[in-house]
Amino acid sequence: MNHSVQDTASQGVHEDGKLYVVDSINDLNKLNLCPAGSQQLFPLEEKTPDLGMNSGNGSRSLFFMGLLIVLIVSLALVFFVIFLIIQTGTRMDDVSRRLTAEGKDIDDLKKINNMIVQRLDQLDSEQN
């Protein structure tokens, strides 16, 4: 008992002993709506795509192209994150320098304030 490619590819597609090859939902509706005598069945060779050597290479090349695109996008995102880290680092250095300078200015202001308070105390003591 030899089974052809058509028999093995379409197992489970039998209905009441008839073989239906359906390409789309419209074809399925036509097969269900038409009377049994007026149904036109399409040969299996016309409905199934050619699965030769080129389809495997095409899917592989499509996979590798998708992988390449994903890698390029991820590489661009990595460079963008590195750029943001560098920019944030330089801004943090600027802020820390400003805080250090303002801290020195505040210390200088405190010293000047203490000197003024001491001088005012001396003037008050001299007047009494």
N, C-alpha and C. Protein backbone atom coordinates (compact mmCIF):
# COMPACT_ATOMS: atom_id res chain seq x y z
N MET A 1 0.84 -1.18 0.00
CA MET A 1 0.00 0.00 0.00
C MET A 1 0.87 1.23 0.00
N ASN A 2 0.97 1.85 -1.11
CA ASN A 2 1.74 3.07 -1.24
C ASN A 2 0.85 4.26 -0.95
N HIS A 3 1.34 5.17 -0.12
CA HIS A 3 0.64 6.42 0.16
C HIS A 3 1.33 7.53 -0.62
N SER A 4 0.57 8.30 -1.32
CA SER A 4 1.17 9.40 -2.08
C SER A 4 1.38 10.59 -1.16
N VAL A 5 2.07 11.60 -1.66
CA VAL A 5 2.34 12.82 -0.91
C VAL A 5 1.03 13.52 -0.60
N GLN A 6 0.07 13.43 -1.49
CA GLN A 6 -1.23 14.07 -1.29
C GLN A 6 -1.95 13.43 -0.13
N ASP A 7 -1.89 12.11 0.00
CA ASP A 7 -2.58 11.42 1.08
C ASP A 7 -1.95 11.76 2.43
N THR A 8 -0.61 11.78 2.51
CA THR A 8 0.04 12.05 3.79
C THR A 8 -0.07 13.51 4.18
N ALA A 9 -0.11 14.41 3.23
CA ALA A 9 -0.18 15.83 3.54
C ALA A 9 -1.58 16.25 3.94
N SER A 10 -2.59 15.47 3.55
CA SER A 10 -3.96 15.91 3.82
C SER A 10 -4.71 14.95 4.70
N GLN A 11 -4.03 14.24 5.58
CA GLN A 11 -4.73 13.35 6.50
C GLN A 11 -5.49 14.20 7.49
N GLY A 12 -6.67 13.78 7.85
CA GLY A 12 -7.48 14.54 8.77
C GLY A 12 -8.31 15.60 8.09
N VAL A 13 -8.30 15.69 6.76
CA VAL A 13 -9.08 16.68 6.03
C VAL A 13 -10.25 16.00 5.33
N HIS A 14 -10.54 14.77 5.69
CA HIS A 14 -11.63 14.03 5.06
C HIS A 14 -12.95 14.40 5.72
N GLU A 15 -13.99 14.45 4.90
CA GLU A 15 -15.34 14.68 5.41
C GLU A 15 -16.28 13.86 4.56
N ASP A 16 -16.93 12.90 5.15
CA ASP A 16 -17.85 11.99 4.45
C ASP A 16 -17.14 11.29 3.30
N GLY A 17 -15.91 10.93 3.47
CA GLY A 17 -15.19 10.21 2.44
C GLY A 17 -14.71 11.09 1.31
N LYS A 18 -14.85 12.43 1.38
CA LYS A 18 -14.40 13.33 0.32
C LYS A 18 -13.20 14.11 0.82
N LEU A 19 -12.30 14.39 -0.09
CA LEU A 19 -11.10 15.16 0.24
C LEU A 19 -11.31 16.58 -0.22
N TYR A 20 -11.21 17.52 0.69
CA TYR A 20 -11.37 18.94 0.36
C TYR A 20 -10.02 19.63 0.58
N VAL A 21 -9.61 20.40 -0.39
CA VAL A 21 -8.43 21.22 -0.26
C VAL A 21 -8.91 22.66 -0.18
N VAL A 22 -8.65 23.31 0.95
CA VAL A 22 -9.18 24.65 1.19
C VAL A 22 -8.01 25.61 1.25
N ASP A 23 -8.05 26.64 0.44
CA ASP A 23 -6.99 27.65 0.41
C ASP A 23 -7.33 28.82 1.29
N SER A 24 -8.59 29.13 1.45
CA SER A 24 -8.97 30.27 2.27
C SER A 24 -10.34 30.00 2.87
N ILE A 25 -10.78 30.90 3.72
CA ILE A 25 -12.10 30.76 4.33
C ILE A 25 -13.19 30.90 3.28
N ASN A 26 -12.95 31.73 2.25
CA ASN A 26 -13.94 31.86 1.18
C ASN A 26 -14.13 30.54 0.45
N ASP A 27 -13.02 29.84 0.19
CA ASP A 27 -13.12 28.54 -0.47
C ASP A 27 -13.87 27.56 0.43
N LEU A 28 -13.63 27.62 1.72
CA LEU A 28 -14.33 26.73 2.64
C LEU A 28 -15.82 27.03 2.63
N ASN A 29 -16.18 28.31 2.61
CA ASN A 29 -17.59 28.67 2.55
C ASN A 29 -18.23 28.20 1.24
N LYS A 30 -17.49 28.33 0.14
CA LYS A 30 -18.03 27.87 -1.15
C LYS A 30 -18.25 26.36 -1.12
N LEU A 31 -17.31 25.63 -0.50
CA LEU A 31 -17.46 24.18 -0.45
C LEU A 31 -18.63 23.79 0.43
N ASN A 32 -18.88 24.53 1.48
CA ASN A 32 -19.99 24.20 2.37
C ASN A 32 -21.33 24.63 1.80
N LEU A 33 -21.37 25.72 1.01
CA LEU A 33 -22.62 26.25 0.52
C LEU A 33 -23.08 25.60 -0.79
N CYS A 34 -22.15 25.12 -1.59
CA CYS A 34 -22.52 24.56 -2.89
C CYS A 34 -23.09 23.16 -2.71
N PRO A 35 -24.00 22.76 -3.60
CA PRO A 35 -24.51 21.38 -3.54
C PRO A 35 -23.39 20.40 -3.87
N ALA A 36 -23.57 19.16 -3.45
CA ALA A 36 -22.51 18.16 -3.58
C ALA A 36 -22.11 17.92 -5.03
N GLY A 37 -23.04 18.00 -5.96
CA GLY A 37 -22.72 17.72 -7.36
C GLY A 37 -21.99 18.87 -8.04
N SER A 38 -22.12 20.11 -7.54
CA SER A 38 -21.53 21.25 -8.24
C SER A 38 -20.23 21.72 -7.63
N GLN A 39 -19.70 20.98 -6.66
CA GLN A 39 -18.44 21.39 -6.05
C GLN A 39 -17.30 21.14 -7.01
N GLN A 40 -16.42 22.15 -7.06
CA GLN A 40 -15.23 21.99 -7.89
C GLN A 40 -14.03 21.89 -6.95
N LEU A 41 -13.36 20.79 -7.01
CA LEU A 41 -12.19 20.61 -6.17
C LEU A 41 -10.96 21.01 -6.96
N PHE A 42 -10.07 21.69 -6.26
CA PHE A 42 -8.84 22.13 -6.89
C PHE A 42 -7.78 21.07 -6.66
N PRO A 43 -6.93 20.85 -7.66
CA PRO A 43 -5.85 19.89 -7.45
C PRO A 43 -4.90 20.37 -6.35
N LEU A 44 -4.36 19.43 -5.64
CA LEU A 44 -3.47 19.77 -4.53
C LEU A 44 -2.24 20.52 -5.02
N GLU A 45 -1.77 20.23 -6.20
CA GLU A 45 -0.56 20.88 -6.71
C GLU A 45 -0.79 22.37 -6.95
N GLU A 46 -2.01 22.78 -7.28
CA GLU A 46 -2.27 24.19 -7.53
C GLU A 46 -2.37 24.98 -6.24
N LYS A 47 -2.84 24.36 -5.16
CA LYS A 47 -3.11 25.07 -3.92
C LYS A 47 -1.90 25.17 -3.00
N THR A 48 -1.05 24.17 -3.00
CA THR A 48 0.08 24.20 -2.08
C THR A 48 1.25 24.89 -2.75
N PRO A 49 2.00 25.70 -1.96
CA PRO A 49 3.17 26.36 -2.55
C PRO A 49 4.27 25.35 -2.81
N ASP A 50 5.16 25.74 -3.71
CA ASP A 50 6.29 24.88 -4.05
C ASP A 50 7.29 24.92 -2.91
N LEU A 51 7.53 23.77 -2.29
CA LEU A 51 8.44 23.70 -1.17
C LEU A 51 9.77 23.12 -1.64
N GLY A 52 10.43 23.85 -2.49
CA GLY A 52 11.71 23.39 -3.01
C GLY A 52 12.85 23.84 -2.13
N MET A 53 14.04 23.82 -2.68
CA MET A 53 15.23 24.21 -1.94
C MET A 53 15.24 25.70 -1.66
N ASN A 54 14.62 26.51 -2.50
CA ASN A 54 14.68 27.96 -2.34
C ASN A 54 13.87 28.43 -1.13
N SER A 55 12.79 27.76 -0.78
CA SER A 55 11.98 28.23 0.34
C SER A 55 12.74 28.09 1.66
N GLY A 56 13.53 27.05 1.82
CA GLY A 56 14.34 26.89 3.03
C GLY A 56 15.40 27.96 3.12
N ASN A 57 16.05 28.26 2.01
CA ASN A 57 17.05 29.31 2.00
C ASN A 57 16.42 30.66 2.20
N GLY A 58 15.23 30.85 1.69
CA GLY A 58 14.54 32.12 1.86
C GLY A 58 14.17 32.36 3.30
N SER A 59 13.70 31.32 3.98
CA SER A 59 13.34 31.49 5.39
C SER A 59 14.58 31.69 6.24
N ARG A 60 15.66 31.03 5.88
CA ARG A 60 16.92 31.25 6.61
C ARG A 60 17.42 32.67 6.41
N SER A 61 17.39 33.14 5.18
CA SER A 61 17.88 34.49 4.93
C SER A 61 16.97 35.51 5.60
N LEU A 62 15.68 35.26 5.63
CA LEU A 62 14.76 36.15 6.31
C LEU A 62 15.03 36.16 7.81
N PHE A 63 15.31 34.98 8.37
CA PHE A 63 15.66 34.89 9.79
C PHE A 63 16.93 35.66 10.10
N PHE A 64 17.95 35.49 9.25
CA PHE A 64 19.22 36.18 9.49
C PHE A 64 19.08 37.69 9.29
N MET A 65 18.24 38.10 8.36
CA MET A 65 18.01 39.55 8.19
C MET A 65 17.31 40.12 9.43
N GLY A 66 16.33 39.40 9.94
CA GLY A 66 15.65 39.85 11.16
C GLY A 66 16.61 39.90 12.33
N LEU A 67 17.46 38.88 12.45
CA LEU A 67 18.45 38.84 13.52
C LEU A 67 19.43 40.00 13.38
N LEU A 68 19.85 40.29 12.16
CA LEU A 68 20.77 41.40 11.92
C LEU A 68 20.13 42.73 12.30
N ILE A 69 18.87 42.91 11.95
CA ILE A 69 18.17 44.16 12.29
C ILE A 69 18.06 44.29 13.80
N VAL A 70 17.73 43.20 14.49
CA VAL A 70 17.62 43.24 15.96
C VAL A 70 18.97 43.57 16.58
N LEU A 71 20.04 43.00 16.06
CA LEU A 71 21.37 43.28 16.60
C LEU A 71 21.76 44.73 16.37
N ILE A 72 21.45 45.28 15.21
CA ILE A 72 21.79 46.68 14.92
C ILE A 72 21.02 47.61 15.84
N VAL A 73 19.74 47.33 16.04
CA VAL A 73 18.93 48.18 16.92
C VAL A 73 19.43 48.09 18.35
N SER A 74 19.76 46.89 18.82
CA SER A 74 20.26 46.75 20.19
C SER A 74 21.61 47.43 20.35
N LEU A 75 22.47 47.36 19.34
CA LEU A 75 23.75 48.05 19.39
C LEU A 75 23.56 49.56 19.46
N ALA A 76 22.62 50.08 18.69
CA ALA A 76 22.33 51.52 18.73
C ALA A 76 21.82 51.92 20.11
N LEU A 77 20.97 51.08 20.71
CA LEU A 77 20.47 51.39 22.06
C LEU A 77 21.60 51.36 23.09
N VAL A 78 22.52 50.44 22.96
CA VAL A 78 23.65 50.37 23.89
C VAL A 78 24.50 51.63 23.77
N PHE A 79 24.79 52.08 22.56
CA PHE A 79 25.57 53.30 22.38
C PHE A 79 24.83 54.51 22.94
N PHE A 80 23.52 54.55 22.78
CA PHE A 80 22.73 55.65 23.32
C PHE A 80 22.79 55.67 24.84
N VAL A 81 22.72 54.50 25.47
CA VAL A 81 22.80 54.42 26.93
C VAL A 81 24.18 54.84 27.41
N ILE A 82 25.23 54.42 26.72
CA ILE A 82 26.59 54.83 27.09
C ILE A 82 26.73 56.34 26.97
N PHE A 83 26.18 56.93 25.91
CA PHE A 83 26.22 58.38 25.73
C PHE A 83 25.51 59.08 26.88
N LEU A 84 24.34 58.56 27.28
CA LEU A 84 23.60 59.16 28.39
C LEU A 84 24.37 59.04 29.70
N ILE A 85 25.05 57.93 29.93
CA ILE A 85 25.84 57.75 31.15
C ILE A 85 26.98 58.76 31.19
N ILE A 86 27.64 58.96 30.07
CA ILE A 86 28.74 59.93 30.01
C ILE A 86 28.22 61.33 30.26
N GLN A 87 27.10 61.69 29.61
CA GLN A 87 26.53 63.03 29.81
C GLN A 87 26.12 63.23 31.27
N THR A 88 25.52 62.23 31.88
CA THR A 88 25.11 62.35 33.27
C THR A 88 26.32 62.50 34.18
N GLY A 89 27.38 61.78 33.88
CA GLY A 89 28.60 61.89 34.68
C GLY A 89 29.19 63.29 34.63
N THR A 90 29.26 63.87 33.44
CA THR A 90 29.82 65.23 33.33
C THR A 90 28.93 66.25 34.04
N ARG A 91 27.63 66.07 33.96
CA ARG A 91 26.73 67.01 34.65
C ARG A 91 26.86 66.86 36.17
N MET A 92 27.01 65.64 36.63
CA MET A 92 27.19 65.44 38.07
C MET A 92 28.50 66.06 38.55
N ASP A 93 29.55 65.99 37.74
CA ASP A 93 30.82 66.65 38.09
C ASP A 93 30.62 68.16 38.19
N ASP A 94 29.88 68.74 37.25
CA ASP A 94 29.61 70.18 37.29
C ASP A 94 28.83 70.56 38.55
N VAL A 95 27.83 69.77 38.90
CA VAL A 95 27.03 70.07 40.09
C VAL A 95 27.88 69.96 41.34
N SER A 96 28.72 68.94 41.42
CA SER A 96 29.56 68.79 42.62
C SER A 96 30.57 69.93 42.73
N ARG A 97 31.10 70.39 41.61
CA ARG A 97 32.00 71.55 41.64
C ARG A 97 31.27 72.80 42.13
N ARG A 98 30.06 72.98 41.64
CA ARG A 98 29.27 74.15 42.07
C ARG A 98 28.97 74.07 43.57
N LEU A 99 28.59 72.89 44.05
CA LEU A 99 28.30 72.75 45.48
C LEU A 99 29.54 73.00 46.33
N THR A 100 30.68 72.54 45.86
CA THR A 100 31.92 72.77 46.59
C THR A 100 32.23 74.27 46.63
N ALA A 101 32.07 74.94 45.49
CA ALA A 101 32.34 76.38 45.43
C ALA A 101 31.35 77.13 46.31
N GLU A 102 30.07 76.76 46.28
CA GLU A 102 29.08 77.43 47.12
C GLU A 102 29.34 77.15 48.59
N GLY A 103 29.81 75.95 48.91
CA GLY A 103 30.16 75.64 50.30
C GLY A 103 31.28 76.53 50.80
N LYS A 104 32.28 76.77 49.95
CA LYS A 104 33.37 77.66 50.32
C LYS A 104 32.86 79.09 50.49
N ASP A 105 31.96 79.49 49.62
CA ASP A 105 31.38 80.83 49.72
C ASP A 105 30.59 80.98 51.02
N ILE A 106 29.86 79.95 51.40
CA ILE A 106 29.08 79.99 52.64
C ILE A 106 30.02 80.06 53.84
N ASP A 107 31.10 79.29 53.81
CA ASP A 107 32.08 79.36 54.90
C ASP A 107 32.68 80.76 55.01
N ASP A 108 33.01 81.36 53.87
CA ASP A 108 33.54 82.73 53.87
C ASP A 108 32.53 83.71 54.44
N LEU A 109 31.25 83.54 54.07
CA LEU A 109 30.20 84.43 54.59
C LEU A 109 30.06 84.27 56.11
N LYS A 110 30.17 83.03 56.60
CA LYS A 110 30.09 82.80 58.04
C LYS A 110 31.24 83.49 58.77
N LYS A 111 32.45 83.42 58.20
CA LYS A 111 33.61 84.07 58.81
C LYS A 111 33.41 85.59 58.85
N ILE A 112 32.90 86.13 57.74
CA ILE A 112 32.66 87.57 57.69
C ILE A 112 31.58 87.95 58.71
N ASN A 113 30.55 87.16 58.83
CA ASN A 113 29.48 87.43 59.79
C ASN A 113 30.03 87.39 61.22
N ASN A 114 30.87 86.41 61.54
CA ASN A 114 31.47 86.32 62.87
C ASN A 114 32.34 87.54 63.15
N MET A 115 33.08 87.98 62.15
CA MET A 115 33.92 89.18 62.32
C MET A 115 33.07 90.41 62.59
N ILE A 116 31.95 90.54 61.87
CA ILE A 116 31.06 91.68 62.06
C ILE A 116 30.44 91.63 63.46
N VAL A 117 30.00 90.47 63.91
CA VAL A 117 29.40 90.32 65.24
C VAL A 117 30.42 90.66 66.32
N GLN A 118 31.67 90.20 66.16
CA GLN A 118 32.72 90.52 67.13
C GLN A 118 32.99 92.01 67.18
N ARG A 119 33.03 92.64 66.03
CA ARG A 119 33.29 94.09 65.98
C ARG A 119 32.15 94.86 66.63
N LEU A 120 30.89 94.43 66.36
CA LEU A 120 29.74 95.09 66.98
C LEU A 120 29.76 94.89 68.50
N ASP A 121 30.17 93.72 68.99
CA ASP A 121 30.27 93.48 70.42
C ASP A 121 31.34 94.40 71.04
N GLN A 122 32.45 94.56 70.32
CA GLN A 122 33.52 95.44 70.82
C GLN A 122 33.02 96.89 70.91
N LEU A 123 32.25 97.31 69.89
CA LEU A 123 31.75 98.69 69.89
C LEU A 123 30.75 98.88 71.03
N ASP A 124 29.92 97.88 71.28
CA ASP A 124 28.95 97.96 72.36
C ASP A 124 29.67 98.02 73.72
N SER A 125 30.69 97.22 73.89
CA SER A 125 31.43 97.22 75.15
C SER A 125 32.16 98.54 75.36
N GLU A 126 32.66 99.16 74.33
CA GLU A 126 33.36 100.45 74.43
C GLU A 126 32.38 101.55 74.78
N GLN A 127 31.18 101.48 74.27
CA GLN A 127 30.19 102.52 74.56
C GLN A 127 29.66 102.38 75.98
N ASN A 128 29.66 101.27 76.57
CA ASN A 128 29.17 101.11 77.95
C ASN A 128 30.25 101.40 78.89
